[in-house]
N, C-alpha and C. Protein backbone atom coordinates (compact mmCIF):
# COMPACT_ATOMS: atom_id res chain seq x y z
N MET A 1 0.67 -1.19 0.12
CA MET A 1 -0.06 0.08 -0.10
C MET A 1 1.02 1.26 -0.02
N PRO A 2 0.80 1.97 -1.00
CA PRO A 2 1.69 3.28 -1.06
C PRO A 2 1.10 4.50 0.05
N LYS A 3 1.99 4.96 0.58
CA LYS A 3 1.42 6.01 1.35
C LYS A 3 1.36 7.47 0.43
N LEU A 4 0.82 8.01 1.31
CA LEU A 4 0.45 9.57 0.60
C LEU A 4 1.82 10.22 -0.12
N SER A 5 2.78 10.30 0.67
CA SER A 5 3.99 10.84 0.16
C SER A 5 4.51 10.14 -0.91
N GLU A 6 4.43 8.82 -1.23
CA GLU A 6 4.92 8.03 -2.24
C GLU A 6 3.92 8.17 -3.49
N SER A 7 2.60 8.24 -3.20
CA SER A 7 1.52 8.57 -4.13
C SER A 7 1.88 9.88 -4.93
N LEU A 8 2.07 10.72 -4.01
CA LEU A 8 2.43 12.02 -4.41
C LEU A 8 3.54 12.25 -5.38
N ALA A 9 4.52 11.63 -4.96
CA ALA A 9 5.82 11.53 -5.53
C ALA A 9 5.78 10.95 -6.77
N GLN A 10 4.90 9.71 -7.21
CA GLN A 10 4.77 9.18 -8.19
C GLN A 10 3.97 10.11 -9.22
N LEU A 11 2.89 10.62 -8.59
CA LEU A 11 2.16 11.64 -9.63
C LEU A 11 3.00 12.89 -10.02
N SER A 12 3.76 13.27 -9.26
CA SER A 12 4.83 14.46 -9.35
C SER A 12 5.69 14.05 -10.42
N GLU A 13 6.40 13.06 -10.40
CA GLU A 13 7.26 12.50 -11.59
C GLU A 13 6.41 12.45 -12.85
N SER A 14 5.10 12.03 -12.87
CA SER A 14 4.39 11.84 -14.16
C SER A 14 4.22 13.25 -14.60
N PHE A 15 3.80 14.28 -13.82
CA PHE A 15 3.44 15.67 -14.30
C PHE A 15 5.03 16.17 -14.66
N ALA A 16 5.92 15.73 -14.00
CA ALA A 16 7.46 16.37 -14.41
C ALA A 16 7.79 15.88 -15.85
N GLU A 17 7.18 14.56 -16.13
CA GLU A 17 7.61 13.86 -17.48
C GLU A 17 6.70 14.67 -18.59
N LEU A 18 5.47 14.85 -18.17
CA LEU A 18 4.60 15.49 -18.98
C LEU A 18 5.04 17.07 -19.36
N SER A 19 5.61 17.65 -18.23
CA SER A 19 6.06 19.06 -18.74
C SER A 19 7.31 19.03 -19.45
N GLN A 20 8.17 18.05 -19.14
CA GLN A 20 9.29 17.75 -20.10
C GLN A 20 9.07 17.73 -21.45
N ARG A 21 8.10 16.55 -21.64
CA ARG A 21 7.75 16.37 -23.02
C ARG A 21 7.06 17.37 -23.84
N ALA A 22 6.25 18.38 -23.17
CA ALA A 22 5.71 19.36 -23.68
C ALA A 22 6.77 20.46 -24.26
N LYS A 23 7.68 20.59 -23.41
CA LYS A 23 8.82 21.67 -23.82
C LYS A 23 9.41 20.90 -24.93
N GLU A 24 10.00 19.55 -24.80
CA GLU A 24 10.49 19.28 -25.99
C GLU A 24 9.78 19.39 -27.43
N ALA A 25 8.46 19.11 -27.42
CA ALA A 25 7.67 19.33 -28.64
C ALA A 25 7.54 20.66 -29.01
N GLU A 26 7.37 21.64 -28.08
CA GLU A 26 7.58 23.21 -28.27
C GLU A 26 9.05 23.20 -29.09
N ASP A 27 9.89 22.93 -28.42
CA ASP A 27 11.33 23.14 -29.03
C ASP A 27 11.57 22.55 -30.24
N HIS A 28 10.85 21.36 -30.78
CA HIS A 28 10.90 20.67 -32.16
C HIS A 28 10.41 21.55 -33.03
N VAL A 29 9.10 21.88 -32.59
CA VAL A 29 8.10 22.85 -33.77
C VAL A 29 9.07 24.17 -33.96
N THR A 30 9.46 24.62 -32.96
CA THR A 30 10.24 26.10 -33.00
C THR A 30 11.33 25.84 -33.94
N ALA A 31 12.14 24.71 -33.57
CA ALA A 31 13.34 24.57 -34.59
C ALA A 31 12.94 24.16 -35.97
N ALA A 32 11.79 23.52 -36.14
CA ALA A 32 11.33 23.37 -37.57
C ALA A 32 11.29 24.58 -38.44
N ARG A 33 11.18 25.67 -37.96
CA ARG A 33 11.23 26.97 -38.84
C ARG A 33 12.29 27.07 -39.88
N ASN A 34 13.39 26.53 -39.31
CA ASN A 34 14.68 26.73 -40.16
C ASN A 34 15.17 25.52 -40.90
N GLU A 35 14.37 24.40 -41.04
CA GLU A 35 14.62 23.23 -41.55
C GLU A 35 14.15 22.92 -42.89
N ALA A 36 15.10 22.14 -43.31
CA ALA A 36 14.45 21.75 -44.90
C ALA A 36 13.51 20.80 -44.88
N HIS A 37 13.03 20.32 -46.08
CA HIS A 37 11.99 19.17 -45.95
C HIS A 37 12.43 17.81 -45.62
N ASP A 38 13.74 17.48 -45.86
CA ASP A 38 14.21 16.06 -45.45
C ASP A 38 14.32 15.96 -43.93
N GLN A 39 14.65 17.46 -43.40
CA GLN A 39 14.64 17.49 -41.98
C GLN A 39 13.40 17.17 -41.41
N PHE A 40 12.27 17.84 -42.00
CA PHE A 40 10.99 17.82 -41.46
C PHE A 40 10.58 16.19 -41.44
N GLU A 41 10.79 15.81 -42.77
CA GLU A 41 10.42 14.40 -42.55
C GLU A 41 11.19 13.53 -41.66
N THR A 42 12.07 13.69 -41.09
CA THR A 42 12.97 13.23 -40.28
C THR A 42 12.33 13.24 -38.77
N ARG A 43 11.97 14.44 -38.59
CA ARG A 43 11.21 14.98 -37.35
C ARG A 43 9.96 14.40 -37.13
N VAL A 44 9.12 14.36 -38.36
CA VAL A 44 7.84 13.81 -38.52
C VAL A 44 7.90 12.27 -38.16
N ALA A 45 8.95 11.80 -38.65
CA ALA A 45 8.82 10.23 -38.42
C ALA A 45 9.23 10.11 -36.91
N GLN A 46 10.13 10.63 -36.34
CA GLN A 46 10.62 10.60 -35.02
C GLN A 46 9.28 10.80 -34.22
N ALA A 47 8.73 11.92 -34.28
CA ALA A 47 7.46 12.05 -33.61
C ALA A 47 6.36 11.08 -33.73
N ARG A 48 6.24 10.68 -35.06
CA ARG A 48 5.10 9.51 -35.28
C ARG A 48 5.79 8.28 -34.55
N ALA A 49 6.93 7.98 -34.59
CA ALA A 49 7.50 6.85 -34.02
C ALA A 49 7.21 6.94 -32.47
N SER A 50 7.42 7.95 -31.91
CA SER A 50 7.30 8.13 -30.40
C SER A 50 5.76 8.20 -30.05
N ALA A 51 5.04 8.53 -30.77
CA ALA A 51 3.48 8.75 -30.66
C ALA A 51 3.10 7.36 -30.62
N GLN A 52 3.61 6.51 -31.50
CA GLN A 52 3.20 5.06 -31.86
C GLN A 52 3.47 4.16 -30.72
N LYS A 53 4.80 4.46 -30.20
CA LYS A 53 5.39 3.62 -28.99
C LYS A 53 4.36 4.13 -27.93
N ARG A 54 3.96 5.23 -27.59
CA ARG A 54 3.39 5.53 -26.32
C ARG A 54 2.11 4.83 -26.47
N HIS A 55 1.43 5.13 -27.83
CA HIS A 55 0.14 4.39 -27.99
C HIS A 55 0.05 2.98 -27.74
N GLU A 56 1.10 2.19 -28.01
CA GLU A 56 1.10 0.76 -27.92
C GLU A 56 1.30 0.47 -26.39
N GLU A 57 2.09 1.44 -25.62
CA GLU A 57 2.35 1.11 -24.38
C GLU A 57 0.87 1.45 -23.30
N ALA A 58 0.13 2.53 -23.92
CA ALA A 58 -1.06 2.86 -23.50
C ALA A 58 -1.86 1.76 -23.69
N LYS A 59 -2.09 1.38 -24.83
CA LYS A 59 -2.92 0.12 -25.45
C LYS A 59 -2.73 -1.23 -24.43
N ALA A 60 -1.49 -1.50 -24.08
CA ALA A 60 -1.19 -2.65 -23.54
C ALA A 60 -1.64 -2.34 -21.83
N GLY A 61 -1.30 -1.31 -21.35
CA GLY A 61 -1.49 -0.92 -19.87
C GLY A 61 -2.88 -0.57 -19.46
N LEU A 62 -3.78 -0.11 -20.40
CA LEU A 62 -5.12 0.19 -20.19
C LEU A 62 -6.34 -0.55 -20.58
N ALA A 63 -6.93 -1.31 -19.71
CA ALA A 63 -8.15 -2.09 -20.15
C ALA A 63 -9.16 -1.17 -20.80
N GLU A 64 -9.21 0.09 -20.41
CA GLU A 64 -10.40 0.92 -20.73
C GLU A 64 -10.02 1.52 -22.33
N ALA A 65 -8.86 1.34 -22.97
CA ALA A 65 -8.50 1.88 -24.06
C ALA A 65 -8.92 0.97 -24.92
N LYS A 66 -10.35 0.87 -25.33
CA LYS A 66 -10.80 0.20 -26.32
C LYS A 66 -10.66 0.61 -27.85
N ASP A 67 -10.96 2.00 -27.71
CA ASP A 67 -10.75 2.69 -29.27
C ASP A 67 -9.58 3.32 -29.57
N GLU A 68 -9.14 3.79 -30.72
CA GLU A 68 -8.14 4.49 -30.76
C GLU A 68 -8.21 5.74 -30.20
N VAL A 69 -7.10 6.54 -29.72
CA VAL A 69 -7.29 7.58 -28.81
C VAL A 69 -7.28 8.85 -29.71
N ALA A 70 -7.39 8.75 -31.17
CA ALA A 70 -7.35 9.67 -31.97
C ALA A 70 -8.74 9.98 -32.54
N SER A 71 -9.47 10.28 -31.56
CA SER A 71 -10.95 10.84 -31.73
C SER A 71 -11.09 12.24 -31.88
N HIS A 72 -12.16 12.69 -32.28
CA HIS A 72 -12.49 14.10 -32.41
C HIS A 72 -12.28 14.91 -31.02
N TRP A 73 -11.64 16.09 -31.14
CA TRP A 73 -11.25 16.78 -29.93
C TRP A 73 -12.54 16.94 -29.07
N ALA A 74 -13.57 17.27 -29.73
CA ALA A 74 -14.92 17.85 -28.85
C ALA A 74 -15.36 16.50 -28.15
N SER A 75 -15.18 15.34 -28.75
CA SER A 75 -15.66 14.12 -27.87
C SER A 75 -14.60 13.87 -26.83
N LEU A 76 -13.46 14.03 -27.14
CA LEU A 76 -12.27 13.98 -26.18
C LEU A 76 -12.48 14.91 -25.02
N ARG A 77 -12.76 16.10 -25.26
CA ARG A 77 -13.05 17.13 -24.20
C ARG A 77 -14.33 16.72 -23.16
N ALA A 78 -15.40 16.20 -23.86
CA ALA A 78 -16.42 15.84 -23.29
C ALA A 78 -16.05 14.51 -22.34
N HIS A 79 -15.48 13.50 -22.84
CA HIS A 79 -14.88 12.65 -22.11
C HIS A 79 -14.25 12.80 -20.95
N VAL A 80 -13.26 13.73 -21.19
CA VAL A 80 -12.22 14.27 -20.00
C VAL A 80 -12.89 14.82 -18.78
N GLN A 81 -13.94 15.74 -19.38
CA GLN A 81 -15.07 16.51 -18.41
C GLN A 81 -15.81 15.60 -17.56
N GLU A 82 -16.45 14.42 -18.30
CA GLU A 82 -17.17 13.28 -17.51
C GLU A 82 -16.23 12.63 -16.62
N GLN A 83 -15.06 12.27 -16.88
CA GLN A 83 -13.97 11.72 -16.02
C GLN A 83 -13.93 12.45 -14.98
N LEU A 84 -13.59 13.68 -15.04
CA LEU A 84 -13.29 14.67 -14.02
C LEU A 84 -14.55 14.74 -12.95
N GLU A 85 -15.59 14.69 -13.47
CA GLU A 85 -16.78 14.86 -12.64
C GLU A 85 -16.94 13.69 -11.80
N ARG A 86 -16.64 12.38 -12.58
CA ARG A 86 -16.79 11.13 -11.90
C ARG A 86 -15.90 11.08 -10.76
N MET A 87 -14.60 11.49 -10.93
CA MET A 87 -13.57 11.60 -9.87
C MET A 87 -13.81 12.52 -8.65
N GLN A 88 -14.41 13.68 -9.13
CA GLN A 88 -14.77 14.47 -8.10
C GLN A 88 -16.04 13.85 -7.24
N ALA A 89 -17.17 13.02 -7.94
CA ALA A 89 -18.08 12.52 -7.14
C ALA A 89 -17.56 11.42 -6.24
N LYS A 90 -16.41 10.69 -6.72
CA LYS A 90 -16.07 9.62 -5.81
C LYS A 90 -15.07 10.03 -4.72
N LEU A 91 -14.50 11.42 -5.01
CA LEU A 91 -13.81 12.12 -3.78
C LEU A 91 -14.91 12.40 -3.09
N ASP A 92 -15.93 13.17 -3.31
CA ASP A 92 -16.91 13.52 -2.47
C ASP A 92 -17.53 12.29 -1.61
N GLU A 93 -17.74 11.27 -2.17
CA GLU A 93 -18.19 9.99 -1.53
C GLU A 93 -17.12 9.55 -0.35
N ALA A 94 -15.91 9.69 -0.74
CA ALA A 94 -14.62 9.02 0.08
C ALA A 94 -14.75 10.04 1.48
N ARG A 95 -15.09 11.37 1.31
CA ARG A 95 -14.87 12.05 2.66
C ARG A 95 -15.81 11.48 3.54
N ASP A 96 -16.83 10.99 3.02
CA ASP A 96 -17.90 10.36 4.00
C ASP A 96 -17.55 8.97 4.49
N ASP A 97 -16.88 8.31 3.96
CA ASP A 97 -16.56 6.97 3.91
C ASP A 97 -15.19 6.84 5.13
N HIS A 98 -15.49 5.92 6.01
CA HIS A 98 -14.61 5.87 7.12
C HIS A 98 -13.78 4.73 7.04
N ASP A 99 -14.19 3.64 6.17
CA ASP A 99 -13.74 2.21 5.97
C ASP A 99 -12.33 2.30 5.52
N ALA A 100 -11.46 1.97 5.89
CA ALA A 100 -10.06 2.23 5.57
C ALA A 100 -9.54 1.34 4.32
N LYS A 101 -10.33 0.11 4.36
CA LYS A 101 -10.10 -0.67 3.25
C LYS A 101 -10.63 -0.14 1.98
N VAL A 102 -11.71 0.27 2.20
CA VAL A 102 -12.53 0.97 0.93
C VAL A 102 -11.77 2.46 0.71
N ALA A 103 -11.48 3.04 1.60
CA ALA A 103 -10.71 4.20 1.27
C ALA A 103 -9.38 3.99 0.60
N GLU A 104 -8.55 2.89 0.98
CA GLU A 104 -7.34 2.60 0.35
C GLU A 104 -7.54 2.13 -1.24
N ARG A 105 -8.55 1.44 -1.41
CA ARG A 105 -8.91 0.91 -3.05
C ARG A 105 -9.39 2.23 -3.67
N ARG A 106 -10.13 3.18 -3.10
CA ARG A 106 -10.57 4.22 -3.65
C ARG A 106 -9.26 5.16 -4.15
N ALA A 107 -8.38 5.28 -3.26
CA ALA A 107 -7.10 5.98 -3.38
C ALA A 107 -5.98 5.37 -4.40
N GLU A 108 -6.10 4.21 -4.25
CA GLU A 108 -5.29 3.37 -5.42
C GLU A 108 -5.93 3.80 -7.02
N ARG A 109 -7.12 3.45 -6.69
CA ARG A 109 -7.74 3.60 -8.24
C ARG A 109 -7.83 5.13 -8.82
N LEU A 110 -8.15 6.12 -7.87
CA LEU A 110 -7.92 7.46 -8.27
C LEU A 110 -6.46 7.85 -8.72
N GLN A 111 -5.57 7.11 -7.99
CA GLN A 111 -4.28 7.47 -8.41
C GLN A 111 -3.83 6.99 -9.91
N GLN A 112 -4.32 5.82 -9.92
CA GLN A 112 -3.93 5.11 -11.38
C GLN A 112 -4.96 6.07 -12.34
N ASN A 113 -5.81 6.65 -11.92
CA ASN A 113 -6.84 7.51 -12.81
C ASN A 113 -6.03 8.55 -13.24
N ALA A 114 -5.25 9.23 -12.44
CA ALA A 114 -4.26 10.21 -12.40
C ALA A 114 -3.13 9.94 -13.51
N LEU A 115 -2.63 8.77 -13.26
CA LEU A 115 -1.48 8.26 -14.03
C LEU A 115 -1.90 8.26 -15.47
N ASP A 116 -3.18 7.38 -15.58
CA ASP A 116 -3.56 7.01 -17.07
C ASP A 116 -3.84 8.26 -17.51
N ALA A 117 -4.46 9.41 -17.21
CA ALA A 117 -4.62 10.61 -17.67
C ALA A 117 -3.43 11.38 -18.10
N SER A 118 -2.39 11.17 -17.16
CA SER A 118 -1.08 11.77 -17.50
C SER A 118 -0.45 10.87 -18.96
N ASP A 119 -0.59 9.88 -18.83
CA ASP A 119 -0.12 8.75 -19.93
C ASP A 119 -0.76 9.36 -21.14
N PHE A 120 -2.26 9.55 -21.20
CA PHE A 120 -2.83 10.06 -22.29
C PHE A 120 -2.39 11.35 -22.72
N ALA A 121 -2.03 12.28 -21.50
CA ALA A 121 -1.82 13.82 -22.31
C ALA A 121 -0.24 13.54 -23.06
N LEU A 122 0.55 12.75 -22.45
CA LEU A 122 1.87 12.52 -23.10
C LEU A 122 1.71 12.09 -24.76
N TYR A 123 0.64 11.17 -24.82
CA TYR A 123 0.45 10.40 -25.99
C TYR A 123 -0.32 11.69 -27.09
N ALA A 124 -1.21 12.46 -26.35
CA ALA A 124 -1.77 13.66 -27.10
C ALA A 124 -0.60 14.66 -27.38
N ILE A 125 0.09 14.78 -26.71
CA ILE A 125 1.40 15.79 -26.95
C ILE A 125 2.12 15.35 -28.13
N ASP A 126 2.42 13.93 -28.07
CA ASP A 126 3.11 13.21 -29.28
C ASP A 126 2.43 13.53 -30.53
N GLU A 127 1.02 13.22 -30.45
CA GLU A 127 0.37 13.64 -31.76
C GLU A 127 0.23 15.10 -32.32
N ALA A 128 0.24 15.87 -31.13
CA ALA A 128 0.06 16.99 -31.58
C ALA A 128 1.37 17.68 -32.20
N GLU A 129 2.43 17.12 -31.71
CA GLU A 129 3.75 17.47 -32.17
C GLU A 129 4.09 16.84 -33.81
N THR A 130 3.42 15.95 -33.88
CA THR A 130 3.63 15.02 -35.30
C THR A 130 2.43 16.14 -36.23
N ALA A 131 1.54 16.32 -35.72
CA ALA A 131 0.52 17.26 -36.59
C ALA A 131 0.97 18.50 -36.81
N ALA A 132 1.59 19.17 -36.11
CA ALA A 132 2.46 20.50 -36.21
C ALA A 132 3.48 20.37 -37.07
N LEU A 133 4.38 19.39 -36.92
CA LEU A 133 5.53 19.22 -37.86
C LEU A 133 4.92 18.96 -39.24
N GLU A 134 3.85 18.23 -39.55
CA GLU A 134 3.58 17.78 -40.65
C GLU A 134 2.80 19.07 -41.38
N ALA A 135 2.14 19.81 -40.61
CA ALA A 135 1.58 21.08 -41.21
C ALA A 135 2.70 22.03 -41.65
N ALA A 136 3.77 22.12 -40.77
CA ALA A 136 4.89 22.89 -41.27
C ALA A 136 5.59 22.62 -42.34
N ASP A 137 5.88 21.23 -42.54
CA ASP A 137 6.31 20.67 -43.77
C ASP A 137 5.40 21.09 -44.88
N ALA A 138 4.05 20.84 -44.92
CA ALA A 138 3.04 21.16 -45.87
C ALA A 138 3.19 22.57 -46.37
N ARG A 139 3.47 23.35 -45.46
CA ARG A 139 3.30 24.92 -45.63
C ARG A 139 4.71 25.26 -46.24
N ALA A 140 5.74 24.80 -46.02
CA ALA A 140 6.86 25.15 -46.37
C ALA A 140 6.86 24.50 -48.08
N ILE A 141 6.35 23.32 -48.19
CA ILE A 141 6.17 22.87 -49.63
C ILE A 141 5.42 23.77 -50.60
N ALA A 142 4.08 24.21 -50.02
CA ALA A 142 3.27 25.20 -50.58
C ALA A 142 4.02 26.31 -50.89
N ASP A 143 4.54 27.04 -50.01
CA ASP A 143 5.36 28.50 -49.94
C ASP A 143 6.18 28.10 -51.27
N ALA A 144 6.99 26.88 -51.20
CA ALA A 144 8.27 26.89 -52.20
C ALA A 144 7.45 26.73 -53.71
N LEU A 145 6.54 26.05 -53.77
CA LEU A 145 5.64 25.83 -54.81
C LEU A 145 5.17 27.21 -55.41
N ALA A 146 4.70 27.88 -54.47
CA ALA A 146 3.89 29.06 -54.83
C ALA A 146 4.96 30.30 -55.34
N SER A 147 6.37 30.22 -54.67
CA SER A 147 7.43 31.00 -55.04
C SER A 147 7.94 30.87 -56.57
N SER A 148 7.59 29.51 -56.94
CA SER A 148 8.48 28.98 -58.03
C SER A 148 7.37 29.24 -59.18
N MET A 149 6.17 29.55 -59.18
CA MET A 149 5.31 29.76 -60.05
C MET A 149 5.11 31.05 -60.55
N PRO A 150 5.06 31.45 -61.85
CA PRO A 150 4.99 32.63 -62.45
C PRO A 150 3.98 33.35 -62.04
N SER A 151 4.07 34.71 -61.82
CA SER A 151 2.87 35.55 -61.42
C SER A 151 1.97 35.66 -62.22
N PRO A 152 0.65 35.67 -62.01
CA PRO A 152 -0.35 35.75 -63.12
C PRO A 152 -0.61 36.94 -63.76
N ASN A 153 -0.03 37.94 -63.38
CA ASN A 153 0.11 39.38 -63.81
C ASN A 153 1.50 39.52 -64.61
N GLY A 154 2.33 38.42 -64.74
CA GLY A 154 3.46 38.81 -65.34
C GLY A 154 3.93 38.02 -66.43
């Protein structure tokens, strides 16, 4: 049975990893401004591989992950909101519950929910990085093609 300090340390590590990964994705997208097409392709491939690896890890570790995570953002937000409301309701129940075994199971379940949400967030960051790099590459190609075409007035 993990104690509060151990649980918080584990959750803190998870959020630190999430923060670090978000910063890495930001740095990659910023660096992509000055890269050539082949460098874009390399970054996109790396981001896609990272996203795929994290997806496989999440799929193996989460029984709830029946569908692919790449659903529409609107339904994702609704799902996340529903989960947060459910967790809040369970927390409210827990305040009134004095049974140590039930409280322990609830704490473990809620901690796992937090870790699962963090894993999902990491996957979402990988997907967002891939999409941003693909968009930047497509924009670079479109700009290059537009600049090489003769102007319609000339």
